[in-house]
């Protein structure tokens, strides 16, 4: 036997460690965790990798919303599981926040499980909740009995109402013709499309993520005529609205838009549609060539025929924008009453008609396609900042639309009294930046489409160029980037100018509908809805409005609203604040400014203070760019708090 002697010597210590880790809830169906519909349950991610399950009883035919909000846990994640523990849905980072939310339509009554945990190595407390229940609504069925239908050259709209929802549309196709089917998400972020045969079982084609984007497209040539079915669905657990368009793209077909009377327009349309699409520049070119020598009755009629047939020939990503501005030129718009052109006064213009002069159609084209109808070159001034009336010239920005993403710190108000609008843009940029991103269309020619929503929720579009108000020293005199530079980030300056131009359409409920910055000075929280089309919830400490919940100067009543505001922050809502009092910090800097609007960008649960951002920018020696305030301080300045 061979052995080795241990010749080492020296002192040592023996330690015994308890390796059992505390865990409040198991991650199995045997968990003691439970939550009721309409209730909340608290838990803790006790260690890295810990997950907690909560039992919940749900009823078939109902739709539920499940939330997991961090109360110390910085980035919670949430699964919904069936009675056997199989995953049904998952979410992380909902609505621009790090909290999680799942909306799910239940098809089978029984026990389900909410599985709460952390992203990565996080630990800390959280709360899960189940919000109400409502009957599941479904606009279209997923079978051959569907009431959904779409015709060639037309469009249909629908909604993926709940997770797993599928909608079918019947369509009549001819043999030997080639068709293009476009499924474009409106609020649905990632739509998926399939084409099925007349029996509803044979899957003929499918697509997801066409042309580098998230929309879907199928091109198909049937060998036999008949009824086919288009199937619209969402990728993963997404929900939202969509648009479905069917276009005949058969090569060498006859007139692409039938019934055109003017030979020059007919030939131009057939040539432009050789690729089955109208581009922005092509439509502008059509209008400018038609303008030459004035507009005849045949030309005016043909432009109208094109306007009602144009939708299938527009890119799905810009369809609503291009259709809106072409329709505004051809069929009229309240904004057509005047031409301003960035001067100190406006002149009459008018809607297009048979017999309109060349100048009228050229100016209408410049207004809607070129962005050249600039707002009046004067403002009344921002009274909150002590800025008075001034006039200005226009200069050309040379920067990029967005630089390093979108943030509330991008906003730097100028000398116009548009704080309410810029506070709304700032709050949305803070945690729902998708609304800022999606409101712009880059036309690639130095112009941009900008979308707003009217007070009734309808889309309105304008086109802006790179011209912005310029001071005598060469910097931006109105809203812009932090450096007030022509070469910096452009979205803030262009959004403010677009809002002034869109005001002329008369959809913002303002007393004066003019293309001017002065006509949009002073306003309220409805700017949130004009940008996002989200309904607003508003609480007022003092002032009253029919759409607000007012404390009427009662501090106790005001304090009862605080939890609603905290929940809105934690749910990733965009909070807007108007105030009517002045406060100063210990160094004498202004915090709250009377008659001014701010963005609320966060809430510190430890200090019970809200973070307030001033749209004047990053701050200076006389005022703070960001500061914190309690809910009671908002009462003292007669605050109005709203969120979308």
Foldseek 3Di string as FASTA:
>chain_A
DDDDDDPDDDDDDDDDDDPDFDAQFQLALVTPAEAEAVGKDKGKQRWFPDKHKYKYWDDAQKKKKKWKFFPFFQAKKKFKAQSHRHTDAIFACPQQGRITMFIAHHHHTDMIMIMMDGPGGTIHMIMMHMYDIDGQDAQFQLAPVTPAEDEALGKDKGKQRWFPRKHKYKYWDAAQWKKKKWKFFDPAQAKWKWKADPRSPRTDDIFACPPPGRITMDIDHHRHTDMIMMMMDHPGGTIHMIMMHMYGLGAPDPQRQPDQDDPVLSVLNVVCCNVLAHALVSLLVSLLVCLVAHHAQSNLVNLVSCLVSVQRRYDSLCRVLSSQLSCCQRVHFLLQQWAAQQEQDIDGADHDDHGGHSVNSNRSSCWARVQRRFAHQKAQWAVLVPQGIDGFHKDFFAAEQDDPAFALQFFAFAGHQQQLLNQLQRLCSLRVCVLLVSQWDDSVPQKIKGWWAFPVGHIDITMHGRIATADPVGFGRGMGGPVSHSHYHGSNRVVLQRVLSVLLSVRHPFPDRGSHSRSNRDDHNCSNCGRRVDDKAKEWLDDDDPRYHYPNVPLVVLVVCLVVVQVCQSSNWKKKKAFADWDADPLQAIEDTGRGMWTFNHADPVVQWTKTAGSNHCDDSRHHRIDIDHSSVCSVRRMMMMTD
